[in-house]
């Protein structure tokens, strides 16, 4: 799979001190989450416990989230950020209850 990094992602990586090796490590060992039309690769505590012996650098990369889109066998890295709280990555329900469905009318 080829890797294409947007200018925005390069700027964010530079600001956060993440190099291409760190980015590729997150893509290789991170948990894949499909959300909001994008693919998130996140490196959390569970991945570090599972793969930490194989790749010692994972501890330094904890909390890194890489947002990508996959187009024609190319990973397009849209942005990179660090946030150890993964609660915002939960899938939201497509069903939004109305007052009628809740029995309020």
Protein backbone atom coordinates (compact mmCIF):
# COMPACT_ATOMS: atom_id res chain seq x y z
CA UNK A 1 0.00 0.00 0.00
CA UNK A 2 1.33 3.42 -0.95
CA UNK A 3 1.35 6.32 1.48
CA UNK A 4 0.43 9.90 0.57
CA UNK A 5 0.73 12.54 3.28
CA UNK A 6 -1.11 15.84 2.88
CA UNK A 7 0.58 19.16 3.56
CA UNK A 8 -1.72 19.63 6.56
CA UNK A 9 -0.62 16.28 8.02
CA UNK A 10 3.07 17.20 7.55
CA UNK A 11 2.48 20.47 9.41
CA UNK A 12 0.73 18.66 12.28
CA UNK A 13 3.42 15.97 12.45
CA UNK A 14 6.12 18.64 12.58
CA UNK A 15 4.32 20.58 15.32
CA UNK A 16 3.88 17.42 17.40
CA UNK A 17 7.36 15.96 16.87
CA UNK A 18 6.18 12.88 14.98
CA UNK A 19 8.38 11.60 12.16
CA UNK A 20 7.45 9.31 9.25
CA UNK A 21 8.75 6.26 11.09
CA UNK A 22 6.39 7.00 13.98
CA UNK A 23 3.53 7.52 11.54
CA UNK A 24 4.19 4.20 9.79
CA UNK A 25 4.47 2.49 13.18
CA UNK A 26 1.02 3.76 14.19
CA UNK A 27 -0.39 2.58 10.84
CA UNK A 28 1.18 -0.85 11.35
CA UNK A 29 0.31 -1.45 15.02
CA UNK A 30 -2.63 0.87 15.66
CA UNK A 31 -6.26 -0.10 16.06
CA UNK A 32 -8.32 0.64 12.93
CA UNK A 33 -11.62 2.48 13.45
CA UNK A 34 -13.99 3.37 10.61
CA UNK A 35 -15.76 6.60 11.48
CA UNK A 36 -17.23 9.63 9.72
CA UNK A 37 -16.13 8.46 6.27
CA UNK A 38 -12.49 8.13 7.33
CA UNK A 39 -10.23 5.46 8.79
CA UNK A 40 -8.66 6.29 12.16
CA UNK A 41 -5.55 4.46 13.33
CA UNK A 42 -5.15 4.88 17.07
CA UNK A 43 -2.39 3.67 19.33
CA UNK A 44 -3.58 3.16 22.87
CA UNK A 45 -2.74 1.27 26.01
CA UNK A 46 -4.07 -2.06 24.67
CA UNK A 47 -1.88 -1.96 21.58
CA UNK A 48 1.17 -1.10 23.66
CA UNK A 49 0.52 -4.02 26.00
CA UNK A 50 0.06 -6.36 23.04
CA UNK A 51 2.94 -5.22 20.79
CA UNK A 52 5.26 -3.31 23.16
CA UNK A 53 7.83 -6.11 23.27
CA UNK A 54 8.09 -6.18 19.46
CA UNK A 55 8.37 -2.41 19.02
CA UNK A 56 9.74 -0.46 22.03
CA UNK A 57 8.94 2.94 20.45
CA UNK A 58 5.20 2.32 20.93
CA UNK A 59 5.30 3.70 24.48
CA UNK A 60 6.39 7.11 23.15
CA UNK A 61 3.63 7.06 20.54
CA UNK A 62 0.77 6.35 22.95
CA UNK A 63 -2.29 8.44 22.14
CA UNK A 64 -1.33 9.19 18.54
CA UNK A 65 -4.31 9.20 16.18
CA UNK A 66 -3.87 9.18 12.41
CA UNK A 67 -6.84 10.09 10.22
CA UNK A 68 -6.68 8.59 6.73
CA UNK A 69 -8.79 7.98 3.68
CA UNK A 70 -8.12 4.96 1.52
CA UNK A 71 -8.42 5.61 -2.20
CA UNK A 72 -7.36 3.09 -4.85
CA UNK A 73 -4.81 1.26 -2.68
CA UNK A 74 -3.32 4.54 -1.39
CA UNK A 75 -3.40 5.61 2.25
CA UNK A 76 -3.96 9.37 2.22
CA UNK A 77 -2.98 10.73 5.64
CA UNK A 78 -5.26 13.69 6.32
CA UNK A 79 -4.10 14.71 9.79
CA UNK A 80 -2.23 13.45 12.83
CA UNK A 81 -2.89 14.38 16.44
CA UNK A 82 -2.32 13.16 19.97
CA UNK A 83 -5.22 12.50 22.30
CA UNK A 84 -5.29 9.66 24.81
CA UNK A 85 -9.06 9.97 25.24
CA UNK A 86 -10.64 7.77 22.58
CA UNK A 87 -14.23 8.38 23.73
CA UNK A 88 -14.84 10.79 20.84
CA UNK A 89 -14.20 7.92 18.42
CA UNK A 90 -17.33 6.01 19.39
CA UNK A 91 -19.82 5.44 16.62
CA UNK A 92 -22.88 7.60 16.96
CA UNK A 93 -26.33 6.18 16.44
CA UNK A 94 -27.90 7.07 13.10
CA UNK A 95 -31.29 6.91 14.79
CA UNK A 96 -32.16 10.06 16.63
CA UNK A 97 -35.25 9.53 18.75
CA UNK A 98 -38.17 11.87 18.29
CA UNK A 99 -40.69 12.85 20.91
CA UNK A 100 -43.22 10.56 19.27
CA UNK A 101 -40.92 7.53 19.39
CA UNK A 102 -40.21 8.21 23.06
CA UNK A 103 -43.94 8.32 23.83
CA UNK A 104 -43.99 11.96 24.82
CA UNK A 105 -47.00 12.78 22.60
